[in-house]
Amino acid sequence: KVSPLKITDEKKKAQIDEKLKGIHIDGP
């Protein structure tokens, strides 16, 4: 787990996480 992205704009936060999801490798 990475540290939570602490920004107030939820839409921007969702866009950032979507763009970086491939770099954040899950367990499987």
mmCIF file of all heavy atoms, coordinates in Angstrom:
data_MODEL
# 
_entry.id   MODEL 
# 
loop_
_atom_site.group_PDB 
_atom_site.id 
_atom_site.type_symbol 
_atom_site.label_atom_id 
_atom_site.label_alt_id 
_atom_site.label_comp_id 
_atom_site.label_asym_id 
_atom_site.label_entity_id 
_atom_site.label_seq_id 
_atom_site.pdbx_PDB_ins_code 
_atom_site.Cartn_x 
_atom_site.Cartn_y 
_atom_site.Cartn_z 
_atom_site.occupancy 
_atom_site.B_iso_or_equiv 
_atom_site.pdbx_formal_charge 
_atom_site.auth_seq_id 
_atom_site.auth_comp_id 
_atom_site.auth_asym_id 
_atom_site.auth_atom_id 
_atom_site.pdbx_PDB_model_num 
ATOM 1   N N   . LYS A 1 1  ? 0.836   -1.192  0.000   1.00 0.00 ? 1  LYS A N   1 
ATOM 2   C CA  . LYS A 1 1  ? 0.000   0.000   0.000   1.00 0.00 ? 1  LYS A CA  1 
ATOM 3   C C   . LYS A 1 1  ? 0.874   1.247   0.000   1.00 0.00 ? 1  LYS A C   1 
ATOM 4   O O   . LYS A 1 1  ? 1.870   1.324   0.702   1.00 0.00 ? 1  LYS A O   1 
ATOM 5   C CB  . LYS A 1 1  ? -0.911  0.012   1.230   1.00 0.00 ? 1  LYS A CB  1 
ATOM 6   C CG  . LYS A 1 1  ? -2.046  -1.006  1.176   1.00 0.00 ? 1  LYS A CG  1 
ATOM 7   C CD  . LYS A 1 1  ? -2.869  -0.971  2.449   1.00 0.00 ? 1  LYS A CD  1 
ATOM 8   C CE  . LYS A 1 1  ? -3.997  -2.006  2.386   1.00 0.00 ? 1  LYS A CE  1 
ATOM 9   N NZ  . LYS A 1 1  ? -4.756  -2.066  3.670   1.00 0.00 ? 1  LYS A NZ  1 
ATOM 10  N N   . VAL A 1 2  ? 0.461   2.244   -0.790  1.00 0.00 ? 2  VAL A N   1 
ATOM 11  C CA  . VAL A 1 2  ? 1.187   3.515   -0.808  1.00 0.00 ? 2  VAL A CA  1 
ATOM 12  C C   . VAL A 1 2  ? 0.473   4.512   0.092   1.00 0.00 ? 2  VAL A C   1 
ATOM 13  O O   . VAL A 1 2  ? -0.685  4.330   0.464   1.00 0.00 ? 2  VAL A O   1 
ATOM 14  C CB  . VAL A 1 2  ? 1.281   4.085   -2.241  1.00 0.00 ? 2  VAL A CB  1 
ATOM 15  C CG1 . VAL A 1 2  ? 2.120   3.182   -3.120  1.00 0.00 ? 2  VAL A CG1 1 
ATOM 16  C CG2 . VAL A 1 2  ? -0.101  4.288   -2.845  1.00 0.00 ? 2  VAL A CG2 1 
ATOM 17  N N   . SER A 1 3  ? 1.198   5.555   0.443   1.00 0.00 ? 3  SER A N   1 
ATOM 18  C CA  . SER A 1 3  ? 0.593   6.604   1.256   1.00 0.00 ? 3  SER A CA  1 
ATOM 19  C C   . SER A 1 3  ? -0.569  7.224   0.493   1.00 0.00 ? 3  SER A C   1 
ATOM 20  O O   . SER A 1 3  ? -0.491  7.400   -0.728  1.00 0.00 ? 3  SER A O   1 
ATOM 21  C CB  . SER A 1 3  ? 1.634   7.685   1.580   1.00 0.00 ? 3  SER A CB  1 
ATOM 22  O OG  . SER A 1 3  ? 2.777   7.113   2.174   1.00 0.00 ? 3  SER A OG  1 
ATOM 23  N N   . PRO A 1 4  ? -1.659  7.573   1.168   1.00 0.00 ? 4  PRO A N   1 
ATOM 24  C CA  . PRO A 1 4  ? -2.802  8.161   0.470   1.00 0.00 ? 4  PRO A CA  1 
ATOM 25  C C   . PRO A 1 4  ? -2.459  9.514   -0.145  1.00 0.00 ? 4  PRO A C   1 
ATOM 26  O O   . PRO A 1 4  ? -1.642  10.266  0.408   1.00 0.00 ? 4  PRO A O   1 
ATOM 27  C CB  . PRO A 1 4  ? -3.852  8.305   1.575   1.00 0.00 ? 4  PRO A CB  1 
ATOM 28  C CG  . PRO A 1 4  ? -3.085  8.284   2.848   1.00 0.00 ? 4  PRO A CG  1 
ATOM 29  C CD  . PRO A 1 4  ? -1.898  7.432   2.617   1.00 0.00 ? 4  PRO A CD  1 
ATOM 30  N N   . LEU A 1 5  ? -3.034  9.785   -1.300  1.00 0.00 ? 5  LEU A N   1 
ATOM 31  C CA  . LEU A 1 5  ? -2.827  11.069  -1.971  1.00 0.00 ? 5  LEU A CA  1 
ATOM 32  C C   . LEU A 1 5  ? -3.729  12.107  -1.317  1.00 0.00 ? 5  LEU A C   1 
ATOM 33  O O   . LEU A 1 5  ? -4.950  12.092  -1.495  1.00 0.00 ? 5  LEU A O   1 
ATOM 34  C CB  . LEU A 1 5  ? -3.144  10.931  -3.468  1.00 0.00 ? 5  LEU A CB  1 
ATOM 35  C CG  . LEU A 1 5  ? -3.057  12.199  -4.319  1.00 0.00 ? 5  LEU A CG  1 
ATOM 36  C CD1 . LEU A 1 5  ? -1.664  12.818  -4.229  1.00 0.00 ? 5  LEU A CD1 1 
ATOM 37  C CD2 . LEU A 1 5  ? -3.412  11.889  -5.769  1.00 0.00 ? 5  LEU A CD2 1 
ATOM 38  N N   . LYS A 1 6  ? -3.113  13.007  -0.578  1.00 0.00 ? 6  LYS A N   1 
ATOM 39  C CA  . LYS A 1 6  ? -3.885  13.958  0.213   1.00 0.00 ? 6  LYS A CA  1 
ATOM 40  C C   . LYS A 1 6  ? -4.109  15.263  -0.539  1.00 0.00 ? 6  LYS A C   1 
ATOM 41  O O   . LYS A 1 6  ? -3.416  16.266  -0.333  1.00 0.00 ? 6  LYS A O   1 
ATOM 42  C CB  . LYS A 1 6  ? -3.184  14.215  1.549   1.00 0.00 ? 6  LYS A CB  1 
ATOM 43  C CG  . LYS A 1 6  ? -3.120  12.984  2.440   1.00 0.00 ? 6  LYS A CG  1 
ATOM 44  C CD  . LYS A 1 6  ? -2.408  13.277  3.745   1.00 0.00 ? 6  LYS A CD  1 
ATOM 45  C CE  . LYS A 1 6  ? -2.364  12.038  4.631   1.00 0.00 ? 6  LYS A CE  1 
ATOM 46  N NZ  . LYS A 1 6  ? -1.629  12.289  5.902   1.00 0.00 ? 6  LYS A NZ  1 
ATOM 47  N N   . ILE A 1 7  ? -5.066  15.230  -1.462  1.00 0.00 ? 7  ILE A N   1 
ATOM 48  C CA  . ILE A 1 7  ? -5.517  16.455  -2.119  1.00 0.00 ? 7  ILE A CA  1 
ATOM 49  C C   . ILE A 1 7  ? -7.027  16.525  -2.001  1.00 0.00 ? 7  ILE A C   1 
ATOM 50  O O   . ILE A 1 7  ? -7.707  15.509  -1.854  1.00 0.00 ? 7  ILE A O   1 
ATOM 51  C CB  . ILE A 1 7  ? -5.083  16.509  -3.605  1.00 0.00 ? 7  ILE A CB  1 
ATOM 52  C CG1 . ILE A 1 7  ? -5.668  15.337  -4.409  1.00 0.00 ? 7  ILE A CG1 1 
ATOM 53  C CG2 . ILE A 1 7  ? -3.562  16.499  -3.724  1.00 0.00 ? 7  ILE A CG2 1 
ATOM 54  C CD1 . ILE A 1 7  ? -5.378  15.425  -5.896  1.00 0.00 ? 7  ILE A CD1 1 
ATOM 55  N N   . THR A 1 8  ? -7.562  17.739  -2.060  1.00 0.00 ? 8  THR A N   1 
ATOM 56  C CA  . THR A 1 8  ? -8.995  17.928  -1.795  1.00 0.00 ? 8  THR A CA  1 
ATOM 57  C C   . THR A 1 8  ? -9.877  17.657  -3.008  1.00 0.00 ? 8  THR A C   1 
ATOM 58  O O   . THR A 1 8  ? -11.042 17.290  -2.861  1.00 0.00 ? 8  THR A O   1 
ATOM 59  C CB  . THR A 1 8  ? -9.258  19.362  -1.303  1.00 0.00 ? 8  THR A CB  1 
ATOM 60  O OG1 . THR A 1 8  ? -8.714  20.288  -2.262  1.00 0.00 ? 8  THR A OG1 1 
ATOM 61  C CG2 . THR A 1 8  ? -8.587  19.588  0.049   1.00 0.00 ? 8  THR A CG2 1 
ATOM 62  N N   . ASP A 1 9  ? -9.322  17.825  -4.200  1.00 0.00 ? 9  ASP A N   1 
ATOM 63  C CA  . ASP A 1 9  ? -10.107 17.641  -5.429  1.00 0.00 ? 9  ASP A CA  1 
ATOM 64  C C   . ASP A 1 9  ? -10.241 16.147  -5.713  1.00 0.00 ? 9  ASP A C   1 
ATOM 65  O O   . ASP A 1 9  ? -9.315  15.511  -6.218  1.00 0.00 ? 9  ASP A O   1 
ATOM 66  C CB  . ASP A 1 9  ? -9.411  18.352  -6.594  1.00 0.00 ? 9  ASP A CB  1 
ATOM 67  C CG  . ASP A 1 9  ? -10.258 18.368  -7.866  1.00 0.00 ? 9  ASP A CG  1 
ATOM 68  O OD1 . ASP A 1 9  ? -11.092 17.465  -8.036  1.00 0.00 ? 9  ASP A OD1 1 
ATOM 69  O OD2 . ASP A 1 9  ? -10.054 19.284  -8.688  1.00 0.00 ? 9  ASP A OD2 1 
ATOM 70  N N   . GLU A 1 10 ? -11.409 15.586  -5.399  1.00 0.00 ? 10 GLU A N   1 
ATOM 71  C CA  . GLU A 1 10 ? -11.622 14.140  -5.551  1.00 0.00 ? 10 GLU A CA  1 
ATOM 72  C C   . GLU A 1 10 ? -11.563 13.700  -7.012  1.00 0.00 ? 10 GLU A C   1 
ATOM 73  O O   . GLU A 1 10 ? -11.098 12.601  -7.318  1.00 0.00 ? 10 GLU A O   1 
ATOM 74  C CB  . GLU A 1 10 ? -12.965 13.738  -4.921  1.00 0.00 ? 10 GLU A CB  1 
ATOM 75  C CG  . GLU A 1 10 ? -12.993 13.830  -3.410  1.00 0.00 ? 10 GLU A CG  1 
ATOM 76  C CD  . GLU A 1 10 ? -12.016 12.868  -2.753  1.00 0.00 ? 10 GLU A CD  1 
ATOM 77  O OE1 . GLU A 1 10 ? -11.806 11.764  -3.286  1.00 0.00 ? 10 GLU A OE1 1 
ATOM 78  O OE2 . GLU A 1 10 ? -11.448 13.230  -1.696  1.00 0.00 ? 10 GLU A OE2 1 
ATOM 79  N N   . LYS A 1 11 ? -12.043 14.552  -7.911  1.00 0.00 ? 11 LYS A N   1 
ATOM 80  C CA  . LYS A 1 11 ? -12.010 14.199  -9.338  1.00 0.00 ? 11 LYS A CA  1 
ATOM 81  C C   . LYS A 1 11 ? -10.562 14.100  -9.828  1.00 0.00 ? 11 LYS A C   1 
ATOM 82  O O   . LYS A 1 11 ? -10.192 13.156  -10.533 1.00 0.00 ? 11 LYS A O   1 
ATOM 83  C CB  . LYS A 1 11 ? -12.767 15.244  -10.152 1.00 0.00 ? 11 LYS A CB  1 
ATOM 84  C CG  . LYS A 1 11 ? -12.856 14.909  -11.636 1.00 0.00 ? 11 LYS A CG  1 
ATOM 85  C CD  . LYS A 1 11 ? -13.645 15.958  -12.401 1.00 0.00 ? 11 LYS A CD  1 
ATOM 86  C CE  . LYS A 1 11 ? -13.679 15.633  -13.885 1.00 0.00 ? 11 LYS A CE  1 
ATOM 87  N NZ  . LYS A 1 11 ? -14.396 16.690  -14.667 1.00 0.00 ? 11 LYS A NZ  1 
ATOM 88  N N   . LYS A 1 12 ? -9.750  15.084  -9.450  1.00 0.00 ? 12 LYS A N   1 
ATOM 89  C CA  . LYS A 1 12 ? -8.325  15.061  -9.827  1.00 0.00 ? 12 LYS A CA  1 
ATOM 90  C C   . LYS A 1 12 ? -7.641  13.837  -9.220  1.00 0.00 ? 12 LYS A C   1 
ATOM 91  O O   . LYS A 1 12 ? -6.842  13.170  -9.880  1.00 0.00 ? 12 LYS A O   1 
ATOM 92  C CB  . LYS A 1 12 ? -7.622  16.340  -9.367  1.00 0.00 ? 12 LYS A CB  1 
ATOM 93  C CG  . LYS A 1 12 ? -6.139  16.366  -9.704  1.00 0.00 ? 12 LYS A CG  1 
ATOM 94  C CD  . LYS A 1 12 ? -5.422  17.551  -9.091  1.00 0.00 ? 12 LYS A CD  1 
ATOM 95  C CE  . LYS A 1 12 ? -5.600  18.792  -9.934  1.00 0.00 ? 12 LYS A CE  1 
ATOM 96  N NZ  . LYS A 1 12 ? -4.667  19.879  -9.496  1.00 0.00 ? 12 LYS A NZ  1 
ATOM 97  N N   . LYS A 1 13 ? -7.942  13.550  -7.983  1.00 0.00 ? 13 LYS A N   1 
ATOM 98  C CA  . LYS A 1 13 ? -7.361  12.396  -7.309  1.00 0.00 ? 13 LYS A CA  1 
ATOM 99  C C   . LYS A 1 13 ? -7.675  11.109  -8.055  1.00 0.00 ? 13 LYS A C   1 
ATOM 100 O O   . LYS A 1 13 ? -6.802  10.253  -8.255  1.00 0.00 ? 13 LYS A O   1 
ATOM 101 C CB  . LYS A 1 13 ? -7.887  12.328  -5.875  1.00 0.00 ? 13 LYS A CB  1 
ATOM 102 C CG  . LYS A 1 13 ? -7.306  11.203  -5.042  1.00 0.00 ? 13 LYS A CG  1 
ATOM 103 C CD  . LYS A 1 13 ? -7.865  11.242  -3.625  1.00 0.00 ? 13 LYS A CD  1 
ATOM 104 C CE  . LYS A 1 13 ? -7.362  10.081  -2.799  1.00 0.00 ? 13 LYS A CE  1 
ATOM 105 N NZ  . LYS A 1 13 ? -7.928  10.075  -1.434  1.00 0.00 ? 13 LYS A NZ  1 
ATOM 106 N N   . ALA A 1 14 ? -8.929  10.972  -8.491  1.00 0.00 ? 14 ALA A N   1 
ATOM 107 C CA  . ALA A 1 14 ? -9.340  9.771   -9.228  1.00 0.00 ? 14 ALA A CA  1 
ATOM 108 C C   . ALA A 1 14 ? -8.600  9.672   -10.559 1.00 0.00 ? 14 ALA A C   1 
ATOM 109 O O   . ALA A 1 14 ? -8.189  8.578   -10.978 1.00 0.00 ? 14 ALA A O   1 
ATOM 110 C CB  . ALA A 1 14 ? -10.844 9.789   -9.449  1.00 0.00 ? 14 ALA A CB  1 
ATOM 111 N N   . GLN A 1 15 ? -8.411  10.811  -11.237 1.00 0.00 ? 15 GLN A N   1 
ATOM 112 C CA  . GLN A 1 15 ? -7.694  10.817  -12.516 1.00 0.00 ? 15 GLN A CA  1 
ATOM 113 C C   . GLN A 1 15 ? -6.234  10.406  -12.330 1.00 0.00 ? 15 GLN A C   1 
ATOM 114 O O   . GLN A 1 15 ? -5.682  9.640   -13.125 1.00 0.00 ? 15 GLN A O   1 
ATOM 115 C CB  . GLN A 1 15 ? -7.750  12.223  -13.135 1.00 0.00 ? 15 GLN A CB  1 
ATOM 116 C CG  . GLN A 1 15 ? -9.100  12.590  -13.717 1.00 0.00 ? 15 GLN A CG  1 
ATOM 117 C CD  . GLN A 1 15 ? -9.078  14.009  -14.280 1.00 0.00 ? 15 GLN A CD  1 
ATOM 118 O OE1 . GLN A 1 15 ? -9.081  14.998  -13.531 1.00 0.00 ? 15 GLN A OE1 1 
ATOM 119 N NE2 . GLN A 1 15 ? -9.053  14.119  -15.594 1.00 0.00 ? 15 GLN A NE2 1 
ATOM 120 N N   . ILE A 1 16 ? -5.608  10.914  -11.275 1.00 0.00 ? 16 ILE A N   1 
ATOM 121 C CA  . ILE A 1 16 ? -4.206  10.585  -10.994 1.00 0.00 ? 16 ILE A CA  1 
ATOM 122 C C   . ILE A 1 16 ? -4.054  9.091   -10.702 1.00 0.00 ? 16 ILE A C   1 
ATOM 123 O O   . ILE A 1 16 ? -3.162  8.422   -11.241 1.00 0.00 ? 16 ILE A O   1 
ATOM 124 C CB  . ILE A 1 16 ? -3.681  11.436  -9.815  1.00 0.00 ? 16 ILE A CB  1 
ATOM 125 C CG1 . ILE A 1 16 ? -3.521  12.897  -10.264 1.00 0.00 ? 16 ILE A CG1 1 
ATOM 126 C CG2 . ILE A 1 16 ? -2.362  10.885  -9.278  1.00 0.00 ? 16 ILE A CG2 1 
ATOM 127 C CD1 . ILE A 1 16 ? -3.225  13.867  -9.140  1.00 0.00 ? 16 ILE A CD1 1 
ATOM 128 N N   . ASP A 1 17 ? -4.921  8.571   -9.859  1.00 0.00 ? 17 ASP A N   1 
ATOM 129 C CA  . ASP A 1 17 ? -4.838  7.147   -9.518  1.00 0.00 ? 17 ASP A CA  1 
ATOM 130 C C   . ASP A 1 17 ? -5.090  6.260   -10.735 1.00 0.00 ? 17 ASP A C   1 
ATOM 131 O O   . ASP A 1 17 ? -4.481  5.201   -10.877 1.00 0.00 ? 17 ASP A O   1 
ATOM 132 C CB  . ASP A 1 17 ? -5.835  6.817   -8.403  1.00 0.00 ? 17 ASP A CB  1 
ATOM 133 C CG  . ASP A 1 17 ? -5.328  7.248   -7.028  1.00 0.00 ? 17 ASP A CG  1 
ATOM 134 O OD1 . ASP A 1 17 ? -4.099  7.309   -6.856  1.00 0.00 ? 17 ASP A OD1 1 
ATOM 135 O OD2 . ASP A 1 17 ? -6.151  7.531   -6.147  1.00 0.00 ? 17 ASP A OD2 1 
ATOM 136 N N   . GLU A 1 18 ? -5.978  6.704   -11.615 1.00 0.00 ? 18 GLU A N   1 
ATOM 137 C CA  . GLU A 1 18 ? -6.254  5.941   -12.835 1.00 0.00 ? 18 GLU A CA  1 
ATOM 138 C C   . GLU A 1 18 ? -5.010  5.880   -13.719 1.00 0.00 ? 18 GLU A C   1 
ATOM 139 O O   . GLU A 1 18 ? -4.668  4.837   -14.281 1.00 0.00 ? 18 GLU A O   1 
ATOM 140 C CB  . GLU A 1 18 ? -7.415  6.574   -13.595 1.00 0.00 ? 18 GLU A CB  1 
ATOM 141 C CG  . GLU A 1 18 ? -7.764  5.909   -14.919 1.00 0.00 ? 18 GLU A CG  1 
ATOM 142 C CD  . GLU A 1 18 ? -8.245  4.471   -14.773 1.00 0.00 ? 18 GLU A CD  1 
ATOM 143 O OE1 . GLU A 1 18 ? -8.764  4.106   -13.688 1.00 0.00 ? 18 GLU A OE1 1 
ATOM 144 O OE2 . GLU A 1 18 ? -8.106  3.705   -15.756 1.00 0.00 ? 18 GLU A OE2 1 
ATOM 145 N N   . LYS A 1 19 ? -4.315  7.011   -13.848 1.00 0.00 ? 19 LYS A N   1 
ATOM 146 C CA  . LYS A 1 19 ? -3.125  7.060   -14.689 1.00 0.00 ? 19 LYS A CA  1 
ATOM 147 C C   . LYS A 1 19 ? -1.969  6.225   -14.115 1.00 0.00 ? 19 LYS A C   1 
ATOM 148 O O   . LYS A 1 19 ? -1.157  5.687   -14.856 1.00 0.00 ? 19 LYS A O   1 
ATOM 149 C CB  . LYS A 1 19 ? -2.676  8.513   -14.881 1.00 0.00 ? 19 LYS A CB  1 
ATOM 150 C CG  . LYS A 1 19 ? -3.502  9.297   -15.897 1.00 0.00 ? 19 LYS A CG  1 
ATOM 151 C CD  . LYS A 1 19 ? -2.983  10.711  -16.038 1.00 0.00 ? 19 LYS A CD  1 
ATOM 152 C CE  . LYS A 1 19 ? -3.701  11.449  -17.164 1.00 0.00 ? 19 LYS A CE  1 
ATOM 153 N NZ  . LYS A 1 19 ? -3.328  10.937  -18.513 1.00 0.00 ? 19 LYS A NZ  1 
ATOM 154 N N   . LEU A 1 20 ? -1.908  6.129   -12.785 1.00 0.00 ? 20 LEU A N   1 
ATOM 155 C CA  . LEU A 1 20 ? -0.777  5.448   -12.144 1.00 0.00 ? 20 LEU A CA  1 
ATOM 156 C C   . LEU A 1 20 ? -1.080  4.004   -11.757 1.00 0.00 ? 20 LEU A C   1 
ATOM 157 O O   . LEU A 1 20 ? -0.207  3.319   -11.208 1.00 0.00 ? 20 LEU A O   1 
ATOM 158 C CB  . LEU A 1 20 ? -0.344  6.222   -10.889 1.00 0.00 ? 20 LEU A CB  1 
ATOM 159 C CG  . LEU A 1 20 ? 0.227   7.631   -11.119 1.00 0.00 ? 20 LEU A CG  1 
ATOM 160 C CD1 . LEU A 1 20 ? 0.541   8.294   -9.788  1.00 0.00 ? 20 LEU A CD1 1 
ATOM 161 C CD2 . LEU A 1 20 ? 1.475   7.586   -11.995 1.00 0.00 ? 20 LEU A CD2 1 
ATOM 162 N N   . LYS A 1 21 ? -2.280  3.541   -12.039 1.00 0.00 ? 21 LYS A N   1 
ATOM 163 C CA  . LYS A 1 21 ? -2.660  2.211   -11.556 1.00 0.00 ? 21 LYS A CA  1 
ATOM 164 C C   . LYS A 1 21 ? -1.783  1.105   -12.132 1.00 0.00 ? 21 LYS A C   1 
ATOM 165 O O   . LYS A 1 21 ? -1.551  0.085   -11.486 1.00 0.00 ? 21 LYS A O   1 
ATOM 166 C CB  . LYS A 1 21 ? -4.135  1.931   -11.825 1.00 0.00 ? 21 LYS A CB  1 
ATOM 167 C CG  . LYS A 1 21 ? -4.510  1.720   -13.283 1.00 0.00 ? 21 LYS A CG  1 
ATOM 168 C CD  . LYS A 1 21 ? -5.997  1.388   -13.418 1.00 0.00 ? 21 LYS A CD  1 
ATOM 169 C CE  . LYS A 1 21 ? -6.362  1.096   -14.861 1.00 0.00 ? 21 LYS A CE  1 
ATOM 170 N NZ  . LYS A 1 21 ? -7.808  0.779   -15.004 1.00 0.00 ? 21 LYS A NZ  1 
ATOM 171 N N   . GLY A 1 22 ? -1.262  1.289   -13.350 1.00 0.00 ? 22 GLY A N   1 
ATOM 172 C CA  . GLY A 1 22 ? -0.400  0.268   -13.953 1.00 0.00 ? 22 GLY A CA  1 
ATOM 173 C C   . GLY A 1 22 ? 0.947   0.156   -13.272 1.00 0.00 ? 22 GLY A C   1 
ATOM 174 O O   . GLY A 1 22 ? 1.566   -0.906  -13.265 1.00 0.00 ? 22 GLY A O   1 
ATOM 175 N N   . ILE A 1 23 ? 1.416   1.249   -12.689 1.00 0.00 ? 23 ILE A N   1 
ATOM 176 C CA  . ILE A 1 23 ? 2.707   1.227   -12.004 1.00 0.00 ? 23 ILE A CA  1 
ATOM 177 C C   . ILE A 1 23 ? 2.567   0.636   -10.607 1.00 0.00 ? 23 ILE A C   1 
ATOM 178 O O   . ILE A 1 23 ? 3.502   0.039   -10.081 1.00 0.00 ? 23 ILE A O   1 
ATOM 179 C CB  . ILE A 1 23 ? 3.308   2.651   -11.954 1.00 0.00 ? 23 ILE A CB  1 
ATOM 180 C CG1 . ILE A 1 23 ? 3.694   3.067   -13.374 1.00 0.00 ? 23 ILE A CG1 1 
ATOM 181 C CG2 . ILE A 1 23 ? 4.519   2.729   -11.038 1.00 0.00 ? 23 ILE A CG2 1 
ATOM 182 C CD1 . ILE A 1 23 ? 4.294   4.442   -13.482 1.00 0.00 ? 23 ILE A CD1 1 
ATOM 183 N N   . HIS A 1 24 ? 1.385   0.770   -10.022 1.00 0.00 ? 24 HIS A N   1 
ATOM 184 C CA  . HIS A 1 24 ? 1.149   0.196   -8.693  1.00 0.00 ? 24 HIS A CA  1 
ATOM 185 C C   . HIS A 1 24 ? 0.756   -1.278  -8.858  1.00 0.00 ? 24 HIS A C   1 
ATOM 186 O O   . HIS A 1 24 ? -0.382  -1.612  -9.153  1.00 0.00 ? 24 HIS A O   1 
ATOM 187 C CB  . HIS A 1 24 ? 0.055   0.969   -7.965  1.00 0.00 ? 24 HIS A CB  1 
ATOM 188 C CG  . HIS A 1 24 ? -0.130  0.543   -6.540  1.00 0.00 ? 24 HIS A CG  1 
ATOM 189 N ND1 . HIS A 1 24 ? 0.883   0.611   -5.612  1.00 0.00 ? 24 HIS A ND1 1 
ATOM 190 C CD2 . HIS A 1 24 ? -1.197  0.034   -5.894  1.00 0.00 ? 24 HIS A CD2 1 
ATOM 191 C CE1 . HIS A 1 24 ? 0.439   0.161   -4.454  1.00 0.00 ? 24 HIS A CE1 1 
ATOM 192 N NE2 . HIS A 1 24 ? -0.815  -0.196  -4.598  1.00 0.00 ? 24 HIS A NE2 1 
ATOM 193 N N   . ILE A 1 25 ? 1.718   -2.176  -8.685  1.00 0.00 ? 25 ILE A N   1 
ATOM 194 C CA  . ILE A 1 25 ? 1.523   -3.609  -8.944  1.00 0.00 ? 25 ILE A CA  1 
ATOM 195 C C   . ILE A 1 25 ? 0.802   -4.263  -7.772  1.00 0.00 ? 25 ILE A C   1 
ATOM 196 O O   . ILE A 1 25 ? 1.187   -4.085  -6.617  1.00 0.00 ? 25 ILE A O   1 
ATOM 197 C CB  . ILE A 1 25 ? 2.889   -4.295  -9.177  1.00 0.00 ? 25 ILE A CB  1 
ATOM 198 C CG1 . ILE A 1 25 ? 3.629   -3.615  -10.343 1.00 0.00 ? 25 ILE A CG1 1 
ATOM 199 C CG2 . ILE A 1 25 ? 2.715   -5.772  -9.464  1.00 0.00 ? 25 ILE A CG2 1 
ATOM 200 C CD1 . ILE A 1 25 ? 5.051   -4.089  -10.508 1.00 0.00 ? 25 ILE A CD1 1 
ATOM 201 N N   . ASP A 1 26 ? -0.231  -5.058  -8.078  1.00 0.00 ? 26 ASP A N   1 
ATOM 202 C CA  . ASP A 1 26 ? -0.977  -5.735  -7.010  1.00 0.00 ? 26 ASP A CA  1 
ATOM 203 C C   . ASP A 1 26 ? -0.398  -7.119  -6.719  1.00 0.00 ? 26 ASP A C   1 
ATOM 204 O O   . ASP A 1 26 ? 0.501   -7.605  -7.417  1.00 0.00 ? 26 ASP A O   1 
ATOM 205 C CB  . ASP A 1 26 ? -2.469  -5.836  -7.354  1.00 0.00 ? 26 ASP A CB  1 
ATOM 206 C CG  . ASP A 1 26 ? -2.745  -6.661  -8.611  1.00 0.00 ? 26 ASP A CG  1 
ATOM 207 O OD1 . ASP A 1 26 ? -1.844  -7.401  -9.058  1.00 0.00 ? 26 ASP A OD1 1 
ATOM 208 O OD2 . ASP A 1 26 ? -3.867  -6.575  -9.140  1.00 0.00 ? 26 ASP A OD2 1 
ATOM 209 N N   . GLY A 1 27 ? -0.907  -7.757  -5.663  1.00 0.00 ? 27 GLY A N   1 
ATOM 210 C CA  . GLY A 1 27 ? -0.392  -9.040  -5.194  1.00 0.00 ? 27 GLY A CA  1 
ATOM 211 C C   . GLY A 1 27 ? -0.364  -10.132 -6.249  1.00 0.00 ? 27 GLY A C   1 
ATOM 212 O O   . GLY A 1 27 ? 0.683   -10.772 -6.462  1.00 0.00 ? 27 GLY A O   1 
ATOM 213 N N   . PRO A 1 28 ? -1.490  -10.419 -6.936  1.00 0.00 ? 28 PRO A N   1 
ATOM 214 C CA  . PRO A 1 28 ? -1.474  -11.468 -7.956  1.00 0.00 ? 28 PRO A CA  1 
ATOM 215 C C   . PRO A 1 28 ? -0.450  -11.220 -9.061  1.00 0.00 ? 28 PRO A C   1 
ATOM 216 O O   . PRO A 1 28 ? 0.189   -12.156 -9.546  1.00 0.00 ? 28 PRO A O   1 
ATOM 217 C CB  . PRO A 1 28 ? -2.909  -11.438 -8.501  1.00 0.00 ? 28 PRO A CB  1 
ATOM 218 C CG  . PRO A 1 28 ? -3.735  -10.910 -7.363  1.00 0.00 ? 28 PRO A CG  1 
ATOM 219 C CD  . PRO A 1 28 ? -2.859  -9.902  -6.686  1.00 0.00 ? 28 PRO A CD  1 
# 
